Full PDB file with SEQRES, HELIX, SHEET, SSBOND, CRYST1, ORIGX, SCALE, CONECT and MASTER records, all heavy atoms in Angstrom:
SEQRES   1 A   35  TRP VAL LEU LEU HIS VAL PRO ALA ARG ARG ALA GLY MET          
SEQRES   2 A   35  VAL ALA ALA PRO ILE PHE SER GLY LEU VAL ALA LEU SER          
SEQRES   3 A   35  THR THR LEU VAL VAL ALA LEU LEU PRO                          
HELIX    1 AA1 ARG A   10  ALA A   24  1                                  15    
HELIX    2 AA2 THR A   28  LEU A   33  5                                   6    
CRYST1    1.000    1.000    1.000  90.00  90.00  90.00 P 1           1          
ORIGX1      1.000000  0.000000  0.000000        0.00000                         
ORIGX2      0.000000  1.000000  0.000000        0.00000                         
ORIGX3      0.000000  0.000000  1.000000        0.00000                         
SCALE1      1.000000  0.000000  0.000000        0.00000                         
SCALE2      0.000000  1.000000  0.000000        0.00000                         
SCALE3      0.000000  0.000000  1.000000        0.00000                         
ATOM      1  N   TRP A   1       2.817   6.247   4.300  1.00  0.00           N  
ATOM      2  CA  TRP A   1       2.725   7.315   3.385  1.00  0.00           C  
ATOM      3  C   TRP A   1       2.013   6.873   2.047  1.00  0.00           C  
ATOM      4  O   TRP A   1       1.187   7.759   1.495  1.00  0.00           O  
ATOM      5  CB  TRP A   1       4.224   7.787   3.034  1.00  0.00           C  
ATOM      6  CG  TRP A   1       4.654   8.736   4.003  1.00  0.00           C  
ATOM      7  CD1 TRP A   1       5.737   8.426   4.849  1.00  0.00           C  
ATOM      8  CD2 TRP A   1       4.266  10.043   4.283  1.00  0.00           C  
ATOM      9  NE1 TRP A   1       6.003   9.539   5.702  1.00  0.00           N  
ATOM     10  CE2 TRP A   1       5.042  10.512   5.345  1.00  0.00           C  
ATOM     11  CE3 TRP A   1       3.208  10.853   3.867  1.00  0.00           C  
ATOM     12  CZ2 TRP A   1       4.985  11.755   5.951  1.00  0.00           C  
ATOM     13  CZ3 TRP A   1       3.040  12.080   4.331  1.00  0.00           C  
ATOM     14  CH2 TRP A   1       3.972  12.596   5.431  1.00  0.00           C  
ATOM     15  N   VAL A   2       2.130   5.655   1.608  1.00  0.00           N  
ATOM     16  CA  VAL A   2       1.395   5.224   0.511  1.00  0.00           C  
ATOM     17  C   VAL A   2      -0.103   5.202   0.699  1.00  0.00           C  
ATOM     18  O   VAL A   2      -0.911   5.544  -0.106  1.00  0.00           O  
ATOM     19  CB  VAL A   2       1.793   3.749   0.134  1.00  0.00           C  
ATOM     20  CG1 VAL A   2       0.830   3.162  -0.795  1.00  0.00           C  
ATOM     21  CG2 VAL A   2       3.214   3.724  -0.355  1.00  0.00           C  
ATOM     22  N   LEU A   3      -0.542   4.973   1.960  1.00  0.00           N  
ATOM     23  CA  LEU A   3      -1.943   4.967   2.370  1.00  0.00           C  
ATOM     24  C   LEU A   3      -2.452   6.385   2.371  1.00  0.00           C  
ATOM     25  O   LEU A   3      -3.768   6.601   2.120  1.00  0.00           O  
ATOM     26  CB  LEU A   3      -2.121   4.309   3.638  1.00  0.00           C  
ATOM     27  CG  LEU A   3      -1.918   2.767   3.735  1.00  0.00           C  
ATOM     28  CD1 LEU A   3      -2.120   2.227   5.094  1.00  0.00           C  
ATOM     29  CD2 LEU A   3      -2.874   2.080   2.730  1.00  0.00           C  
ATOM     30  N   LEU A   4      -1.678   7.356   2.624  1.00  0.00           N  
ATOM     31  CA  LEU A   4      -1.998   8.771   2.609  1.00  0.00           C  
ATOM     32  C   LEU A   4      -1.974   9.331   1.126  1.00  0.00           C  
ATOM     33  O   LEU A   4      -2.616  10.392   0.939  1.00  0.00           O  
ATOM     34  CB  LEU A   4      -1.094   9.563   3.518  1.00  0.00           C  
ATOM     35  CG  LEU A   4      -1.196   9.284   5.040  1.00  0.00           C  
ATOM     36  CD1 LEU A   4      -0.213  10.190   5.818  1.00  0.00           C  
ATOM     37  CD2 LEU A   4      -2.608   9.408   5.559  1.00  0.00           C  
ATOM     38  N   HIS A   5      -1.328   8.735   0.338  1.00  0.00           N  
ATOM     39  CA  HIS A   5      -1.000   9.226  -1.020  1.00  0.00           C  
ATOM     40  C   HIS A   5      -2.214   9.009  -2.011  1.00  0.00           C  
ATOM     41  O   HIS A   5      -2.992   8.015  -1.973  1.00  0.00           O  
ATOM     42  CB  HIS A   5       0.226   8.649  -1.660  1.00  0.00           C  
ATOM     43  CG  HIS A   5       0.584   9.160  -3.055  1.00  0.00           C  
ATOM     44  ND1 HIS A   5       0.788  10.513  -3.314  1.00  0.00           N  
ATOM     45  CD2 HIS A   5       0.836   8.576  -4.193  1.00  0.00           C  
ATOM     46  CE1 HIS A   5       1.123  10.674  -4.520  1.00  0.00           C  
ATOM     47  NE2 HIS A   5       1.118   9.507  -5.149  1.00  0.00           N  
ATOM     48  N   VAL A   6      -2.535  10.077  -2.778  1.00  0.00           N  
ATOM     49  CA  VAL A   6      -3.590   9.917  -3.819  1.00  0.00           C  
ATOM     50  C   VAL A   6      -2.914  10.016  -5.175  1.00  0.00           C  
ATOM     51  O   VAL A   6      -2.578  11.028  -5.605  1.00  0.00           O  
ATOM     52  CB  VAL A   6      -4.685  10.915  -3.663  1.00  0.00           C  
ATOM     53  CG1 VAL A   6      -5.735  10.752  -4.717  1.00  0.00           C  
ATOM     54  CG2 VAL A   6      -5.346  10.891  -2.321  1.00  0.00           C  
ATOM     55  N   PRO A   7      -2.548   8.826  -5.768  1.00  0.00           N  
ATOM     56  CA  PRO A   7      -1.799   8.838  -7.049  1.00  0.00           C  
ATOM     57  C   PRO A   7      -2.670   9.482  -8.241  1.00  0.00           C  
ATOM     58  O   PRO A   7      -3.802   9.233  -8.246  1.00  0.00           O  
ATOM     59  CB  PRO A   7      -1.558   7.390  -7.312  1.00  0.00           C  
ATOM     60  CG  PRO A   7      -2.573   6.715  -6.513  1.00  0.00           C  
ATOM     61  CD  PRO A   7      -2.804   7.468  -5.335  1.00  0.00           C  
ATOM     62  N   ALA A   8      -1.944  10.277  -8.891  1.00  0.00           N  
ATOM     63  CA  ALA A   8      -2.594  10.920 -10.100  1.00  0.00           C  
ATOM     64  C   ALA A   8      -2.510  10.166 -11.367  1.00  0.00           C  
ATOM     65  O   ALA A   8      -3.198  10.361 -12.318  1.00  0.00           O  
ATOM     66  CB  ALA A   8      -2.104  12.315 -10.301  1.00  0.00           C  
ATOM     67  N   ARG A   9      -1.373   9.300 -11.384  1.00  0.00           N  
ATOM     68  CA  ARG A   9      -1.103   8.603 -12.662  1.00  0.00           C  
ATOM     69  C   ARG A   9      -1.500   7.101 -12.440  1.00  0.00           C  
ATOM     70  O   ARG A   9      -1.544   6.570 -11.355  1.00  0.00           O  
ATOM     71  CB  ARG A   9       0.320   8.695 -13.024  1.00  0.00           C  
ATOM     72  CG  ARG A   9       0.791  10.169 -13.195  1.00  0.00           C  
ATOM     73  CD  ARG A   9       2.350  10.218 -13.544  1.00  0.00           C  
ATOM     74  NE  ARG A   9       2.703  11.636 -13.668  1.00  0.00           N  
ATOM     75  CZ  ARG A   9       4.025  11.914 -13.880  1.00  0.00           C  
ATOM     76  NH1 ARG A   9       4.959  11.019 -13.954  1.00  0.00           N  
ATOM     77  NH2 ARG A   9       4.285  13.132 -14.161  1.00  0.00           N  
ATOM     78  N   ARG A  10      -1.731   6.429 -13.614  1.00  0.00           N  
ATOM     79  CA  ARG A  10      -2.103   5.046 -13.534  1.00  0.00           C  
ATOM     80  C   ARG A  10      -0.999   4.198 -12.893  1.00  0.00           C  
ATOM     81  O   ARG A  10      -1.296   3.229 -12.266  1.00  0.00           O  
ATOM     82  CB  ARG A  10      -2.386   4.572 -14.999  1.00  0.00           C  
ATOM     83  CG  ARG A  10      -2.911   3.177 -15.068  1.00  0.00           C  
ATOM     84  CD  ARG A  10      -3.250   2.717 -16.560  1.00  0.00           C  
ATOM     85  NE  ARG A  10      -4.250   3.601 -17.054  1.00  0.00           N  
ATOM     86  CZ  ARG A  10      -5.541   3.398 -16.962  1.00  0.00           C  
ATOM     87  NH1 ARG A  10      -5.983   2.392 -16.300  1.00  0.00           N  
ATOM     88  NH2 ARG A  10      -6.428   4.206 -17.545  1.00  0.00           N  
ATOM     89  N   ALA A  11       0.211   4.568 -13.212  1.00  0.00           N  
ATOM     90  CA  ALA A  11       1.350   3.743 -12.606  1.00  0.00           C  
ATOM     91  C   ALA A  11       1.251   3.673 -11.033  1.00  0.00           C  
ATOM     92  O   ALA A  11       1.521   2.677 -10.489  1.00  0.00           O  
ATOM     93  CB  ALA A  11       2.676   4.272 -13.102  1.00  0.00           C  
ATOM     94  N   GLY A  12       0.966   4.895 -10.466  1.00  0.00           N  
ATOM     95  CA  GLY A  12       0.849   4.865  -8.969  1.00  0.00           C  
ATOM     96  C   GLY A  12      -0.416   4.172  -8.565  1.00  0.00           C  
ATOM     97  O   GLY A  12      -0.320   3.568  -7.477  1.00  0.00           O  
ATOM     98  N   MET A  13      -1.335   4.165  -9.309  1.00  0.00           N  
ATOM     99  CA  MET A  13      -2.693   3.451  -8.941  1.00  0.00           C  
ATOM    100  C   MET A  13      -2.484   1.880  -8.901  1.00  0.00           C  
ATOM    101  O   MET A  13      -3.002   1.181  -8.158  1.00  0.00           O  
ATOM    102  CB  MET A  13      -3.791   3.769  -9.851  1.00  0.00           C  
ATOM    103  CG  MET A  13      -4.173   5.222  -9.867  1.00  0.00           C  
ATOM    104  SD  MET A  13      -5.561   5.653 -11.049  1.00  0.00           S  
ATOM    105  CE  MET A  13      -5.599   7.503 -10.923  1.00  0.00           C  
ATOM    106  N   VAL A  14      -1.564   1.526  -9.809  1.00  0.00           N  
ATOM    107  CA  VAL A  14      -1.236  -0.017  -9.907  1.00  0.00           C  
ATOM    108  C   VAL A  14      -0.143  -0.320  -8.852  1.00  0.00           C  
ATOM    109  O   VAL A  14      -0.235  -1.329  -8.164  1.00  0.00           O  
ATOM    110  CB  VAL A  14      -0.707  -0.197 -11.268  1.00  0.00           C  
ATOM    111  CG1 VAL A  14      -0.297  -1.668 -11.265  1.00  0.00           C  
ATOM    112  CG2 VAL A  14      -1.871  -0.051 -12.293  1.00  0.00           C  
ATOM    113  N   ALA A  15       0.754   0.613  -8.669  1.00  0.00           N  
ATOM    114  CA  ALA A  15       1.921   0.304  -7.708  1.00  0.00           C  
ATOM    115  C   ALA A  15       1.384   0.328  -6.267  1.00  0.00           C  
ATOM    116  O   ALA A  15       1.991  -0.531  -5.531  1.00  0.00           O  
ATOM    117  CB  ALA A  15       3.019   1.279  -7.949  1.00  0.00           C  
ATOM    118  N   ALA A  16       0.426   1.059  -5.954  1.00  0.00           N  
ATOM    119  CA  ALA A  16       0.137   1.104  -4.442  1.00  0.00           C  
ATOM    120  C   ALA A  16      -0.505  -0.208  -3.932  1.00  0.00           C  
ATOM    121  O   ALA A  16      -0.024  -0.584  -3.005  1.00  0.00           O  
ATOM    122  CB  ALA A  16      -0.867   2.384  -4.280  1.00  0.00           C  
ATOM    123  N   PRO A  17      -1.424  -0.743  -4.618  1.00  0.00           N  
ATOM    124  CA  PRO A  17      -1.937  -2.019  -4.152  1.00  0.00           C  
ATOM    125  C   PRO A  17      -0.875  -3.164  -4.047  1.00  0.00           C  
ATOM    126  O   PRO A  17      -0.816  -4.071  -3.244  1.00  0.00           O  
ATOM    127  CB  PRO A  17      -3.051  -2.427  -5.096  1.00  0.00           C  
ATOM    128  CG  PRO A  17      -3.551  -1.085  -5.688  1.00  0.00           C  
ATOM    129  CD  PRO A  17      -2.261  -0.400  -5.822  1.00  0.00           C  
ATOM    130  N   ILE A  18       0.020  -3.130  -5.107  1.00  0.00           N  
ATOM    131  CA  ILE A  18       1.101  -4.135  -5.363  1.00  0.00           C  
ATOM    132  C   ILE A  18       2.059  -4.064  -4.053  1.00  0.00           C  
ATOM    133  O   ILE A  18       2.409  -5.080  -3.474  1.00  0.00           O  
ATOM    134  CB  ILE A  18       1.807  -4.059  -6.640  1.00  0.00           C  
ATOM    135  CG1 ILE A  18       0.923  -4.474  -7.753  1.00  0.00           C  
ATOM    136  CG2 ILE A  18       3.055  -4.969  -6.559  1.00  0.00           C  
ATOM    137  CD1 ILE A  18       1.485  -4.220  -9.056  1.00  0.00           C  
ATOM    138  N   PHE A  19       2.476  -2.852  -3.927  1.00  0.00           N  
ATOM    139  CA  PHE A  19       3.410  -2.499  -2.815  1.00  0.00           C  
ATOM    140  C   PHE A  19       2.673  -2.932  -1.480  1.00  0.00           C  
ATOM    141  O   PHE A  19       3.336  -3.556  -0.576  1.00  0.00           O  
ATOM    142  CB  PHE A  19       3.813  -1.122  -2.731  1.00  0.00           C  
ATOM    143  CG  PHE A  19       4.684  -0.755  -1.563  1.00  0.00           C  
ATOM    144  CD1 PHE A  19       5.992  -1.094  -1.545  1.00  0.00           C  
ATOM    145  CD2 PHE A  19       4.177  -0.020  -0.457  1.00  0.00           C  
ATOM    146  CE1 PHE A  19       6.881  -0.683  -0.413  1.00  0.00           C  
ATOM    147  CE2 PHE A  19       5.002   0.338   0.614  1.00  0.00           C  
ATOM    148  CZ  PHE A  19       6.294  -0.113   0.630  1.00  0.00           C  
ATOM    149  N   SER A  20       1.405  -2.483  -1.232  1.00  0.00           N  
ATOM    150  CA  SER A  20       0.758  -2.840   0.016  1.00  0.00           C  
ATOM    151  C   SER A  20       0.590  -4.340   0.207  1.00  0.00           C  
ATOM    152  O   SER A  20       0.842  -4.827   1.409  1.00  0.00           O  
ATOM    153  CB  SER A  20      -0.644  -2.219  -0.054  1.00  0.00           C  
ATOM    154  OG  SER A  20      -0.610  -0.763  -0.148  1.00  0.00           O  
ATOM    155  N   GLY A  21       0.296  -5.117  -0.787  1.00  0.00           N  
ATOM    156  CA  GLY A  21       0.203  -6.547  -0.582  1.00  0.00           C  
ATOM    157  C   GLY A  21       1.510  -7.218  -0.300  1.00  0.00           C  
ATOM    158  O   GLY A  21       1.582  -8.102   0.487  1.00  0.00           O  
ATOM    159  N   LEU A  22       2.583  -6.685  -0.973  1.00  0.00           N  
ATOM    160  CA  LEU A  22       3.960  -7.168  -0.788  1.00  0.00           C  
ATOM    161  C   LEU A  22       4.279  -6.961   0.778  1.00  0.00           C  
ATOM    162  O   LEU A  22       4.979  -7.924   1.371  1.00  0.00           O  
ATOM    163  CB  LEU A  22       4.930  -6.531  -1.667  1.00  0.00           C  
ATOM    164  CG  LEU A  22       6.435  -7.124  -1.609  1.00  0.00           C  
ATOM    165  CD1 LEU A  22       6.408  -8.508  -2.028  1.00  0.00           C  
ATOM    166  CD2 LEU A  22       7.314  -6.223  -2.556  1.00  0.00           C  
ATOM    167  N   VAL A  23       4.174  -5.811   1.333  1.00  0.00           N  
ATOM    168  CA  VAL A  23       4.362  -5.460   2.723  1.00  0.00           C  
ATOM    169  C   VAL A  23       3.578  -6.433   3.580  1.00  0.00           C  
ATOM    170  O   VAL A  23       4.081  -6.941   4.624  1.00  0.00           O  
ATOM    171  CB  VAL A  23       4.147  -4.034   3.108  1.00  0.00           C  
ATOM    172  CG1 VAL A  23       4.447  -3.868   4.537  1.00  0.00           C  
ATOM    173  CG2 VAL A  23       5.139  -3.103   2.226  1.00  0.00           C  
ATOM    174  N   ALA A  24       2.265  -6.556   3.254  1.00  0.00           N  
ATOM    175  CA  ALA A  24       1.373  -7.341   4.127  1.00  0.00           C  
ATOM    176  C   ALA A  24       1.797  -8.806   4.091  1.00  0.00           C  
ATOM    177  O   ALA A  24       1.524  -9.536   5.162  1.00  0.00           O  
ATOM    178  CB  ALA A  24      -0.077  -7.202   3.612  1.00  0.00           C  
ATOM    179  N   LEU A  25       2.331  -9.317   3.068  1.00  0.00           N  
ATOM    180  CA  LEU A  25       2.865 -10.695   3.023  1.00  0.00           C  
ATOM    181  C   LEU A  25       4.273 -10.835   3.586  1.00  0.00           C  
ATOM    182  O   LEU A  25       4.867 -11.851   3.511  1.00  0.00           O  
ATOM    183  CB  LEU A  25       2.818 -11.267   1.609  1.00  0.00           C  
ATOM    184  CG  LEU A  25       1.385 -11.497   1.017  1.00  0.00           C  
ATOM    185  CD1 LEU A  25       1.402 -11.724  -0.387  1.00  0.00           C  
ATOM    186  CD2 LEU A  25       0.690 -12.604   1.890  1.00  0.00           C  
ATOM    187  N   SER A  26       4.746  -9.688   4.101  1.00  0.00           N  
ATOM    188  CA  SER A  26       6.188  -9.746   4.683  1.00  0.00           C  
ATOM    189  C   SER A  26       6.210  -9.413   6.039  1.00  0.00           C  
ATOM    190  O   SER A  26       7.248  -9.706   6.778  1.00  0.00           O  
ATOM    191  CB  SER A  26       7.028  -8.766   3.871  1.00  0.00           C  
ATOM    192  OG  SER A  26       7.113  -9.035   2.465  1.00  0.00           O  
ATOM    193  N   THR A  27       5.067  -8.961   6.706  1.00  0.00           N  
ATOM    194  CA  THR A  27       5.006  -8.702   8.159  1.00  0.00           C  
ATOM    195  C   THR A  27       3.619  -8.525   8.669  1.00  0.00           C  
ATOM    196  O   THR A  27       2.760  -8.060   7.938  1.00  0.00           O  
ATOM    197  CB  THR A  27       5.713  -7.354   8.544  1.00  0.00           C  
ATOM    198  OG1 THR A  27       5.614  -7.002   9.818  1.00  0.00           O  
ATOM    199  CG2 THR A  27       5.198  -6.204   7.657  1.00  0.00           C  
ATOM    200  N   THR A  28       3.402  -9.110   9.800  1.00  0.00           N  
ATOM    201  CA  THR A  28       2.021  -9.017  10.334  1.00  0.00           C  
ATOM    202  C   THR A  28       1.713  -7.673  11.035  1.00  0.00           C  
ATOM    203  O   THR A  28       0.556  -7.423  11.358  1.00  0.00           O  
ATOM    204  CB  THR A  28       1.868 -10.198  11.449  1.00  0.00           C  
ATOM    205  OG1 THR A  28       2.872 -10.054  12.406  1.00  0.00           O  
ATOM    206  CG2 THR A  28       1.916 -11.553  10.936  1.00  0.00           C  
ATOM    207  N   LEU A  29       2.713  -6.842  11.080  1.00  0.00           N  
ATOM    208  CA  LEU A  29       2.472  -5.568  11.771  1.00  0.00           C  
ATOM    209  C   LEU A  29       1.533  -4.680  10.922  1.00  0.00           C  
ATOM    210  O   LEU A  29       1.237  -3.564  11.411  1.00  0.00           O  
ATOM    211  CB  LEU A  29       3.873  -4.906  12.049  1.00  0.00           C  
ATOM    212  CG  LEU A  29       4.693  -5.565  13.119  1.00  0.00           C  
ATOM    213  CD1 LEU A  29       6.089  -4.925  13.346  1.00  0.00           C  
ATOM    214  CD2 LEU A  29       4.026  -5.618  14.483  1.00  0.00           C  
ATOM    215  N   VAL A  30       1.237  -4.990   9.657  1.00  0.00           N  
ATOM    216  CA  VAL A  30       0.332  -4.118   8.879  1.00  0.00           C  
ATOM    217  C   VAL A  30      -0.989  -4.075   9.552  1.00  0.00           C  
ATOM    218  O   VAL A  30      -1.710  -3.157   9.070  1.00  0.00           O  
ATOM    219  CB  VAL A  30       0.425  -4.619   7.419  1.00  0.00           C  
ATOM    220  CG1 VAL A  30       1.664  -4.528   6.746  1.00  0.00           C  
ATOM    221  CG2 VAL A  30      -0.153  -6.167   7.440  1.00  0.00           C  
ATOM    222  N   VAL A  31      -1.251  -4.930  10.411  1.00  0.00           N  
ATOM    223  CA  VAL A  31      -2.650  -4.824  11.139  1.00  0.00           C  
ATOM    224  C   VAL A  31      -2.791  -3.522  11.688  1.00  0.00           C  
ATOM    225  O   VAL A  31      -4.007  -2.940  11.801  1.00  0.00           O  
ATOM    226  CB  VAL A  31      -2.864  -5.923  12.086  1.00  0.00           C  
ATOM    227  CG1 VAL A  31      -2.861  -7.321  11.415  1.00  0.00           C  
ATOM    228  CG2 VAL A  31      -1.874  -5.977  13.161  1.00  0.00           C  
ATOM    229  N   ALA A  32      -1.674  -2.889  12.153  1.00  0.00           N  
ATOM    230  CA  ALA A  32      -1.881  -1.517  12.785  1.00  0.00           C  
ATOM    231  C   ALA A  32      -2.215  -0.505  11.777  1.00  0.00           C  
ATOM    232  O   ALA A  32      -2.738   0.678  12.142  1.00  0.00           O  
ATOM    233  CB  ALA A  32      -0.561  -1.170  13.436  1.00  0.00           C  
ATOM    234  N   LEU A  33      -1.993  -0.752  10.474  1.00  0.00           N  
ATOM    235  CA  LEU A  33      -2.361   0.258   9.468  1.00  0.00           C  
ATOM    236  C   LEU A  33      -3.704  -0.032   8.734  1.00  0.00           C  
ATOM    237  O   LEU A  33      -4.122   0.751   7.861  1.00  0.00           O  
ATOM    238  CB  LEU A  33      -1.260   0.294   8.419  1.00  0.00           C  
ATOM    239  CG  LEU A  33       0.156   0.815   8.915  1.00  0.00           C  
ATOM    240  CD1 LEU A  33       1.202   0.642   7.871  1.00  0.00           C  
ATOM    241  CD2 LEU A  33       0.096   2.393   9.396  1.00  0.00           C  
ATOM    242  N   LEU A  34      -4.227  -1.158   9.066  1.00  0.00           N  
ATOM    243  CA  LEU A  34      -5.627  -1.501   8.396  1.00  0.00           C  
ATOM    244  C   LEU A  34      -6.672  -0.337   8.616  1.00  0.00           C  
ATOM    245  O   LEU A  34      -7.443  -0.064   7.679  1.00  0.00           O  
ATOM    246  CB  LEU A  34      -6.070  -2.820   8.947  1.00  0.00           C  
ATOM    247  CG  LEU A  34      -5.404  -4.017   8.237  1.00  0.00           C  
ATOM    248  CD1 LEU A  34      -5.867  -5.302   8.809  1.00  0.00           C  
ATOM    249  CD2 LEU A  34      -5.765  -4.019   6.806  1.00  0.00           C  
ATOM    250  N   PRO A  35      -6.781   0.183   9.948  1.00  0.00           N  
ATOM    251  CA  PRO A  35      -7.912   1.161  10.077  1.00  0.00           C  
ATOM    252  C   PRO A  35      -7.644   2.420   9.139  1.00  0.00           C  
ATOM    253  O   PRO A  35      -8.545   3.027   8.604  1.00  0.00           O  
ATOM    254  CB  PRO A  35      -7.732   1.649  11.583  1.00  0.00           C  
ATOM    255  CG  PRO A  35      -7.121   0.351  12.201  1.00  0.00           C  
ATOM    256  CD  PRO A  35      -6.161  -0.162  11.152  1.00  0.00           C  
TER     257      PRO A  35                                                      
MASTER        0    0    0    2    0    0    0    6  256    1    0    3          
END                                                                             
């Protein structure tokens, strides 16, 4: 859902990459969401 979301506020724009990186460093299954 974060990948589908278009944040309108700066907080969301900062939080999305941080959350994505945290998940990517916690499971290899994120490769399915790379496309």
